[in-house]
Amino acid sequence: MEWLGASQAHKTLDDAGIPYRVTTGNHDYAPVPGESRRRRVATRYRSFFPPSRFGTWHGEHFSSGSETNYITFNGGGRDFWS
């Protein structure tokens, strides 16, 4: 339910074309079944916030999901990346 609510809230930004970045926290990862808790995956995060959801401001991601990424934007005539 929390993931659906977060996705719906971010849709407001999607529809308005407002750039944003979603950052994962330790509770956004689930243990890999059958493995130690050290290895975790962001399966739910990836399903609700895939790279395809983000606009042109979304820079490259460093895995198959979007949890490791950067964004670029312009403000006040200056270019930024985060």
PDB file of N, CA and C in Angstrom:
ATOM      1  N   MET A   1       0.814  -1.186   0.000  1.00  0.00           N
ATOM      2  CA  MET A   1       0.000   0.000   0.000  1.00  0.00           C
ATOM      3  C   MET A   1       0.867   1.262   0.000  1.00  0.00           C
ATOM      4  N   GLU A   2       1.974   1.247   0.761  1.00  0.00           N
ATOM      5  CA  GLU A   2       2.854   2.418   0.808  1.00  0.00           C
ATOM      6  C   GLU A   2       3.464   2.708  -0.555  1.00  0.00           C
ATOM      7  N   TRP A   3       3.856   1.656  -1.271  1.00  0.00           N
ATOM      8  CA  TRP A   3       4.467   1.843  -2.580  1.00  0.00           C
ATOM      9  C   TRP A   3       3.476   2.451  -3.560  1.00  0.00           C
ATOM     10  N   LEU A   4       2.232   1.974  -3.534  1.00  0.00           N
ATOM     11  CA  LEU A   4       1.203   2.505  -4.423  1.00  0.00           C
ATOM     12  C   LEU A   4       0.940   3.969  -4.097  1.00  0.00           C
ATOM     13  N   GLY A   5       0.849   4.305  -2.832  1.00  0.00           N
ATOM     14  CA  GLY A   5       0.637   5.692  -2.425  1.00  0.00           C
ATOM     15  C   GLY A   5       1.772   6.599  -2.867  1.00  0.00           C
ATOM     16  N   ALA A   6       2.999   6.138  -2.702  1.00  0.00           N
ATOM     17  CA  ALA A   6       4.159   6.933  -3.130  1.00  0.00           C
ATOM     18  C   ALA A   6       4.158   7.116  -4.634  1.00  0.00           C
ATOM     19  N   SER A   7       3.818   6.057  -5.351  1.00  0.00           N
ATOM     20  CA  SER A   7       3.779   6.134  -6.811  1.00  0.00           C
ATOM     21  C   SER A   7       2.719   7.124  -7.273  1.00  0.00           C
ATOM     22  N   GLN A   8       1.547   7.066  -6.675  1.00  0.00           N
ATOM     23  CA  GLN A   8       0.470   7.985  -7.040  1.00  0.00           C
ATOM     24  C   GLN A   8       0.833   9.435  -6.709  1.00  0.00           C
ATOM     25  N   ALA A   9       1.481   9.653  -5.582  1.00  0.00           N
ATOM     26  CA  ALA A   9       1.896  11.009  -5.215  1.00  0.00           C
ATOM     27  C   ALA A   9       2.915  11.557  -6.205  1.00  0.00           C
ATOM     28  N   HIS A  10       3.855  10.732  -6.625  1.00  0.00           N
ATOM     29  CA  HIS A  10       4.871  11.176  -7.576  1.00  0.00           C
ATOM     30  C   HIS A  10       4.306  11.369  -8.975  1.00  0.00           C
ATOM     31  N   LYS A  11       3.154  10.762  -9.269  1.00  0.00           N
ATOM     32  CA  LYS A  11       2.512  10.935 -10.565  1.00  0.00           C
ATOM     33  C   LYS A  11       2.126  12.398 -10.777  1.00  0.00           C
ATOM     34  N   THR A  12       1.837  13.102  -9.700  1.00  0.00           N
ATOM     35  CA  THR A  12       1.545  14.539  -9.792  1.00  0.00           C
ATOM     36  C   THR A  12       2.728  15.275 -10.411  1.00  0.00           C
ATOM     37  N   LEU A  13       3.922  14.921  -9.977  1.00  0.00           N
ATOM     38  CA  LEU A  13       5.137  15.526 -10.541  1.00  0.00           C
ATOM     39  C   LEU A  13       5.350  15.060 -11.982  1.00  0.00           C
ATOM     40  N   ASP A  14       5.118  13.766 -12.239  1.00  0.00           N
ATOM     41  CA  ASP A  14       5.247  13.228 -13.601  1.00  0.00           C
ATOM     42  C   ASP A  14       4.347  13.999 -14.567  1.00  0.00           C
ATOM     43  N   ASP A  15       3.086  14.133 -14.192  1.00  0.00           N
ATOM     44  CA  ASP A  15       2.105  14.784 -15.058  1.00  0.00           C
ATOM     45  C   ASP A  15       2.430  16.257 -15.305  1.00  0.00           C
ATOM     46  N   ALA A  16       3.044  16.901 -14.316  1.00  0.00           N
ATOM     47  CA  ALA A  16       3.407  18.319 -14.445  1.00  0.00           C
ATOM     48  C   ALA A  16       4.751  18.513 -15.127  1.00  0.00           C
ATOM     49  N   GLY A  17       5.476  17.416 -15.375  1.00  0.00           N
ATOM     50  CA  GLY A  17       6.793  17.522 -16.006  1.00  0.00           C
ATOM     51  C   GLY A  17       7.844  18.127 -15.096  1.00  0.00           C
ATOM     52  N   ILE A  18       7.654  17.963 -13.790  1.00  0.00           N
ATOM     53  CA  ILE A  18       8.595  18.520 -12.815  1.00  0.00           C
ATOM     54  C   ILE A  18       9.677  17.483 -12.504  1.00  0.00           C
ATOM     55  N   PRO A  19      10.935  17.811 -12.731  1.00  0.00           N
ATOM     56  CA  PRO A  19      12.020  16.870 -12.427  1.00  0.00           C
ATOM     57  C   PRO A  19      12.102  16.580 -10.926  1.00  0.00           C
ATOM     58  N   TYR A  20      12.382  15.356 -10.598  1.00  0.00           N
ATOM     59  CA  TYR A  20      12.578  14.965  -9.205  1.00  0.00           C
ATOM     60  C   TYR A  20      13.479  13.746  -9.157  1.00  0.00           C
ATOM     61  N   ARG A  21      13.911  13.450  -7.976  1.00  0.00           N
ATOM     62  CA  ARG A  21      14.767  12.283  -7.761  1.00  0.00           C
ATOM     63  C   ARG A  21      14.240  11.510  -6.567  1.00  0.00           C
ATOM     64  N   VAL A  22      14.155  10.229  -6.695  1.00  0.00           N
ATOM     65  CA  VAL A  22      13.740   9.361  -5.597  1.00  0.00           C
ATOM     66  C   VAL A  22      14.983   8.642  -5.101  1.00  0.00           C
ATOM     67  N   THR A  23      15.214   8.714  -3.818  1.00  0.00           N
ATOM     68  CA  THR A  23      16.390   8.078  -3.233  1.00  0.00           C
ATOM     69  C   THR A  23      15.950   6.918  -2.353  1.00  0.00           C
ATOM     70  N   THR A  24      16.607   5.808  -2.502  1.00  0.00           N
ATOM     71  CA  THR A  24      16.255   4.635  -1.704  1.00  0.00           C
ATOM     72  C   THR A  24      16.882   4.709  -0.320  1.00  0.00           C
ATOM     73  N   GLY A  25      16.188   4.121   0.617  1.00  0.00           N
ATOM     74  CA  GLY A  25      16.695   3.994   1.977  1.00  0.00           C
ATOM     75  C   GLY A  25      16.842   2.528   2.319  1.00  0.00           C
ATOM     76  N   ASN A  26      17.337   2.230   3.492  1.00  0.00           N
ATOM     77  CA  ASN A  26      17.604   0.839   3.849  1.00  0.00           C
ATOM     78  C   ASN A  26      16.335  -0.006   3.906  1.00  0.00           C
ATOM     79  N   HIS A  27      15.175   0.583   4.127  1.00  0.00           N
ATOM     80  CA  HIS A  27      13.934  -0.184   4.185  1.00  0.00           C
ATOM     81  C   HIS A  27      13.333  -0.419   2.799  1.00  0.00           C
ATOM     82  N   ASP A  28      13.941   0.129   1.764  1.00  0.00           N
ATOM     83  CA  ASP A  28      13.460  -0.062   0.395  1.00  0.00           C
ATOM     84  C   ASP A  28      14.050  -1.301  -0.253  1.00  0.00           C
ATOM     85  N   TYR A  29      14.902  -1.984   0.448  1.00  0.00           N
ATOM     86  CA  TYR A  29      15.555  -3.183  -0.068  1.00  0.00           C
ATOM     87  C   TYR A  29      15.036  -4.414   0.664  1.00  0.00           C
ATOM     88  N   ALA A  30      14.934  -5.511  -0.061  1.00  0.00           N
ATOM     89  CA  ALA A  30      14.486  -6.769   0.530  1.00  0.00           C
ATOM     90  C   ALA A  30      15.608  -7.794   0.409  1.00  0.00           C
ATOM     91  N   PRO A  31      15.723  -8.700   1.379  1.00  0.00           N
ATOM     92  CA  PRO A  31      16.752  -9.734   1.285  1.00  0.00           C
ATOM     93  C   PRO A  31      16.523 -10.620   0.066  1.00  0.00           C
ATOM     94  N   VAL A  32      17.593 -11.096  -0.510  1.00  0.00           N
ATOM     95  CA  VAL A  32      17.503 -12.051  -1.616  1.00  0.00           C
ATOM     96  C   VAL A  32      17.112 -13.396  -1.007  1.00  0.00           C
ATOM     97  N   PRO A  33      16.007 -14.010  -1.490  1.00  0.00           N
ATOM     98  CA  PRO A  33      15.572 -15.288  -0.899  1.00  0.00           C
ATOM     99  C   PRO A  33      16.681 -16.342  -0.931  1.00  0.00           C
ATOM    100  N   GLY A  34      16.874 -17.005   0.191  1.00  0.00           N
ATOM    101  CA  GLY A  34      17.850 -18.071   0.286  1.00  0.00           C
ATOM    102  C   GLY A  34      19.279 -17.613   0.486  1.00  0.00           C
ATOM    103  N   GLU A  35      19.507 -16.308   0.598  1.00  0.00           N
ATOM    104  CA  GLU A  35      20.871 -15.801   0.793  1.00  0.00           C
ATOM    105  C   GLU A  35      20.951 -15.043   2.111  1.00  0.00           C
ATOM    106  N   SER A  36      22.170 -14.721   2.489  1.00  0.00           N
ATOM    107  CA  SER A  36      22.358 -13.968   3.731  1.00  0.00           C
ATOM    108  C   SER A  36      21.728 -12.586   3.590  1.00  0.00           C
ATOM    109  N   ARG A  37      21.468 -11.959   4.684  1.00  0.00           N
ATOM    110  CA  ARG A  37      20.825 -10.632   4.666  1.00  0.00           C
ATOM    111  C   ARG A  37      21.753  -9.539   4.140  1.00  0.00           C
ATOM    112  N   ARG A  38      23.008  -9.867   3.902  1.00  0.00           N
ATOM    113  CA  ARG A  38      23.938  -8.858   3.394  1.00  0.00           C
ATOM    114  C   ARG A  38      23.611  -8.448   1.964  1.00  0.00           C
ATOM    115  N   ARG A  39      23.092  -9.377   1.189  1.00  0.00           N
ATOM    116  CA  ARG A  39      22.771  -9.083  -0.209  1.00  0.00           C
ATOM    117  C   ARG A  39      21.286  -8.768  -0.301  1.00  0.00           C
ATOM    118  N   ARG A  40      20.959  -7.584  -0.788  1.00  0.00           N
ATOM    119  CA  ARG A  40      19.572  -7.148  -0.835  1.00  0.00           C
ATOM    120  C   ARG A  40      19.262  -6.551  -2.205  1.00  0.00           C
ATOM    121  N   VAL A  41      17.999  -6.580  -2.600  1.00  0.00           N
ATOM    122  CA  VAL A  41      17.581  -6.041  -3.888  1.00  0.00           C
ATOM    123  C   VAL A  41      16.421  -5.070  -3.694  1.00  0.00           C
ATOM    124  N   ALA A  42      16.297  -4.151  -4.619  1.00  0.00           N
ATOM    125  CA  ALA A  42      15.252  -3.132  -4.567  1.00  0.00           C
ATOM    126  C   ALA A  42      14.107  -3.482  -5.520  1.00  0.00           C
ATOM    127  N   THR A  43      13.581  -4.679  -5.408  1.00  0.00           N
ATOM    128  CA  THR A  43      12.565  -5.174  -6.330  1.00  0.00           C
ATOM    129  C   THR A  43      11.330  -4.278  -6.375  1.00  0.00           C
ATOM    130  N   ARG A  44      10.771  -3.937  -5.244  1.00  0.00           N
ATOM    131  CA  ARG A  44       9.562  -3.093  -5.238  1.00  0.00           C
ATOM    132  C   ARG A  44       9.879  -1.688  -5.719  1.00  0.00           C
ATOM    133  N   TYR A  45      10.988  -1.155  -5.299  1.00  0.00           N
ATOM    134  CA  TYR A  45      11.379   0.173  -5.778  1.00  0.00           C
ATOM    135  C   TYR A  45      11.461   0.167  -7.296  1.00  0.00           C
ATOM    136  N   ARG A  46      12.120  -0.835  -7.845  1.00  0.00           N
ATOM    137  CA  ARG A  46      12.293  -0.925  -9.297  1.00  0.00           C
ATOM    138  C   ARG A  46      10.966  -1.071 -10.026  1.00  0.00           C
ATOM    139  N   SER A  47      10.005  -1.760  -9.424  1.00  0.00           N
ATOM    140  CA  SER A  47       8.728  -1.947 -10.109  1.00  0.00           C
ATOM    141  C   SER A  47       7.889  -0.669 -10.120  1.00  0.00           C
ATOM    142  N   PHE A  48       7.987   0.157  -9.093  1.00  0.00           N
ATOM    143  CA  PHE A  48       7.217   1.396  -9.044  1.00  0.00           C
ATOM    144  C   PHE A  48       7.962   2.597  -9.627  1.00  0.00           C
ATOM    145  N   PHE A  49       9.293   2.568  -9.594  1.00  0.00           N
ATOM    146  CA  PHE A  49      10.101   3.683 -10.096  1.00  0.00           C
ATOM    147  C   PHE A  49      11.187   3.188 -11.054  1.00  0.00           C
ATOM    148  N   PRO A  50      10.798   2.600 -12.193  1.00  0.00           N
ATOM    149  CA  PRO A  50      11.786   2.130 -13.167  1.00  0.00           C
ATOM    150  C   PRO A  50      12.421   3.305 -13.897  1.00  0.00           C
ATOM    151  N   PRO A  51      13.577   3.117 -14.510  1.00  0.00           N
ATOM    152  CA  PRO A  51      14.217   4.215 -15.250  1.00  0.00           C
ATOM    153  C   PRO A  51      13.293   4.831 -16.305  1.00  0.00           C
ATOM    154  N   SER A  52      12.421   4.029 -16.895  1.00  0.00           N
ATOM    155  CA  SER A  52      11.521   4.545 -17.937  1.00  0.00           C
ATOM    156  C   SER A  52      10.513   5.563 -17.415  1.00  0.00           C
ATOM    157  N   ARG A  53      10.331   5.636 -16.111  1.00  0.00           N
ATOM    158  CA  ARG A  53       9.376   6.582 -15.530  1.00  0.00           C
ATOM    159  C   ARG A  53       9.900   8.016 -15.545  1.00  0.00           C
ATOM    160  N   PHE A  54      11.192   8.165 -15.554  1.00  0.00           N
ATOM    161  CA  PHE A  54      11.797   9.481 -15.414  1.00  0.00           C
ATOM    162  C   PHE A  54      12.046  10.135 -16.765  1.00  0.00           C
ATOM    163  N   GLY A  55      12.035  11.459 -16.775  1.00  0.00           N
ATOM    164  CA  GLY A  55      12.219  12.213 -18.009  1.00  0.00           C
ATOM    165  C   GLY A  55      13.676  12.375 -18.397  1.00  0.00           C
ATOM    166  N   THR A  56      13.903  13.312 -19.278  1.00  0.00           N
ATOM    167  CA  THR A  56      15.246  13.531 -19.813  1.00  0.00           C
ATOM    168  C   THR A  56      16.229  14.034 -18.762  1.00  0.00           C
ATOM    169  N   TRP A  57      15.732  14.525 -17.648  1.00  0.00           N
ATOM    170  CA  TRP A  57      16.631  14.998 -16.580  1.00  0.00           C
ATOM    171  C   TRP A  57      17.297  13.839 -15.853  1.00  0.00           C
ATOM    172  N   HIS A  58      16.750  12.635 -16.005  1.00  0.00           N
ATOM    173  CA  HIS A  58      17.282  11.465 -15.307  1.00  0.00           C
ATOM    174  C   HIS A  58      18.521  10.988 -16.041  1.00  0.00           C
ATOM    175  N   GLY A  59      19.665  11.091 -15.374  1.00  0.00           N
ATOM    176  CA  GLY A  59      20.915  10.659 -15.987  1.00  0.00           C
ATOM    177  C   GLY A  59      21.014   9.146 -16.013  1.00  0.00           C
ATOM    178  N   GLU A  60      22.165   8.677 -16.323  1.00  0.00           N
ATOM    179  CA  GLU A  60      22.363   7.224 -16.373  1.00  0.00           C
ATOM    180  C   GLU A  60      22.141   6.594 -15.020  1.00  0.00           C
ATOM    181  N   HIS A  61      21.805   5.321 -15.056  1.00  0.00           N
ATOM    182  CA  HIS A  61      21.724   4.540 -13.830  1.00  0.00           C
ATOM    183  C   HIS A  61      22.785   3.453 -13.941  1.00  0.00           C
ATOM    184  N   PHE A  62      23.268   3.011 -12.813  1.00  0.00           N
ATOM    185  CA  PHE A  62      24.428   2.131 -12.788  1.00  0.00           C
ATOM    186  C   PHE A  62      24.078   0.670 -12.526  1.00  0.00           C
ATOM    187  N   SER A  63      22.825   0.313 -12.770  1.00  0.00           N
ATOM    188  CA  SER A  63      22.379  -1.069 -12.652  1.00  0.00           C
ATOM    189  C   SER A  63      21.125  -1.203 -13.498  1.00  0.00           C
ATOM    190  N   SER A  64      20.441  -2.317 -13.389  1.00  0.00           N
ATOM    191  CA  SER A  64      19.229  -2.501 -14.186  1.00  0.00           C
ATOM    192  C   SER A  64      18.053  -1.705 -13.638  1.00  0.00           C
ATOM    193  N   GLY A  65      18.178  -1.184 -12.438  1.00  0.00           N
ATOM    194  CA  GLY A  65      17.124  -0.369 -11.849  1.00  0.00           C
ATOM    195  C   GLY A  65      17.538   1.086 -11.813  1.00  0.00           C
ATOM    196  N   SER A  66      16.709   1.911 -11.193  1.00  0.00           N
ATOM    197  CA  SER A  66      17.012   3.337 -11.136  1.00  0.00           C
ATOM    198  C   SER A  66      17.474   3.793  -9.762  1.00  0.00           C
ATOM    199  N   GLU A  67      17.768   2.845  -8.872  1.00  0.00           N
ATOM    200  CA  GLU A  67      18.154   3.253  -7.516  1.00  0.00           C
ATOM    201  C   GLU A  67      19.551   3.839  -7.430  1.00  0.00           C
ATOM    202  N   THR A  68      20.371   3.638  -8.423  1.00  0.00           N
ATOM    203  CA  THR A  68      21.678   4.290  -8.479  1.00  0.00           C
ATOM    204  C   THR A  68      21.695   5.156  -9.732  1.00  0.00           C
ATOM    205  N   ASN A  69      21.465   6.432  -9.549  1.00  0.00           N
ATOM    206  CA  ASN A  69      21.301   7.325 -10.689  1.00  0.00           C
ATOM    207  C   ASN A  69      21.722   8.740 -10.334  1.00  0.00           C
ATOM    208  N   TYR A  70      21.683   9.604 -11.312  1.00  0.00           N
ATOM    209  CA  TYR A  70      21.872  11.025 -11.064  1.00  0.00           C
ATOM    210  C   TYR A  70      20.881  11.784 -11.931  1.00  0.00           C
ATOM    211  N   ILE A  71      20.650  13.038 -11.602  1.00  0.00           N
ATOM    212  CA  ILE A  71      19.776  13.875 -12.404  1.00  0.00           C
ATOM    213  C   ILE A  71      20.530  15.130 -12.820  1.00  0.00           C
ATOM    214  N   THR A  72      20.081  15.738 -13.893  1.00  0.00           N
ATOM    215  CA  THR A  72      20.634  17.013 -14.344  1.00  0.00           C
ATOM    216  C   THR A  72      19.493  18.010 -14.435  1.00  0.00           C
ATOM    217  N   PHE A  73      19.776  19.266 -14.134  1.00  0.00           N
ATOM    218  CA  PHE A  73      18.750  20.294 -14.237  1.00  0.00           C
ATOM    219  C   PHE A  73      19.418  21.661 -14.359  1.00  0.00           C
ATOM    220  N   ASN A  74      18.636  22.629 -14.788  1.00  0.00           N
ATOM    221  CA  ASN A  74      19.110  23.995 -14.956  1.00  0.00           C
ATOM    222  C   ASN A  74      18.287  24.895 -14.054  1.00  0.00           C
ATOM    223  N   GLY A  75      18.940  25.795 -13.366  1.00  0.00           N
ATOM    224  CA  GLY A  75      18.253  26.752 -12.505  1.00  0.00           C
ATOM    225  C   GLY A  75      19.030  28.048 -12.452  1.00  0.00           C
ATOM    226  N   GLY A  76      18.343  29.134 -12.678  1.00  0.00           N
ATOM    227  CA  GLY A  76      19.010  30.436 -12.623  1.00  0.00           C
ATOM    228  C   GLY A  76      20.112  30.566 -13.659  1.00  0.00           C
ATOM    229  N   GLY A  77      19.923  29.904 -14.802  1.00  0.00           N
ATOM    230  CA  GLY A  77      20.930  29.977 -15.854  1.00  0.00           C
ATOM    231  C   GLY A  77      22.159  29.129 -15.622  1.00  0.00           C
ATOM    232  N   ARG A  78      22.114  28.272 -14.614  1.00  0.00           N
ATOM    233  CA  ARG A  78      23.258  27.398 -14.323  1.00  0.00           C
ATOM    234  C   ARG A  78      22.832  25.944 -14.456  1.00  0.00           C
ATOM    235  N   ASP A  79      23.768  25.115 -14.893  1.00  0.00           N
ATOM    236  CA  ASP A  79      23.504  23.683 -15.013  1.00  0.00           C
ATOM    237  C   ASP A  79      23.955  22.972 -13.740  1.00  0.00           C
ATOM    238  N   PHE A  80      23.141  22.034 -13.281  1.00  0.00           N
ATOM    239  CA  PHE A  80      23.435  21.283 -12.074  1.00  0.00           C
ATOM    240  C   PHE A  80      23.264  19.792 -12.350  1.00  0.00           C
ATOM    241  N   TRP A  81      23.917  18.986 -11.550  1.00  0.00           N
ATOM    242  CA  TRP A  81      23.679  17.544 -11.537  1.00  0.00           C
ATOM    243  C   TRP A  81      23.760  17.086 -10.090  1.00  0.00           C
ATOM    244  N   SER A  82      23.006  16.082  -9.781  1.00  0.00           N
ATOM    245  CA  SER A  82      22.949  15.598  -8.407  1.00  0.00           C
ATOM    246  C   SER A  82      22.867  14.087  -8.412  1.00  0.00           C
TER     247      SER A  82
END
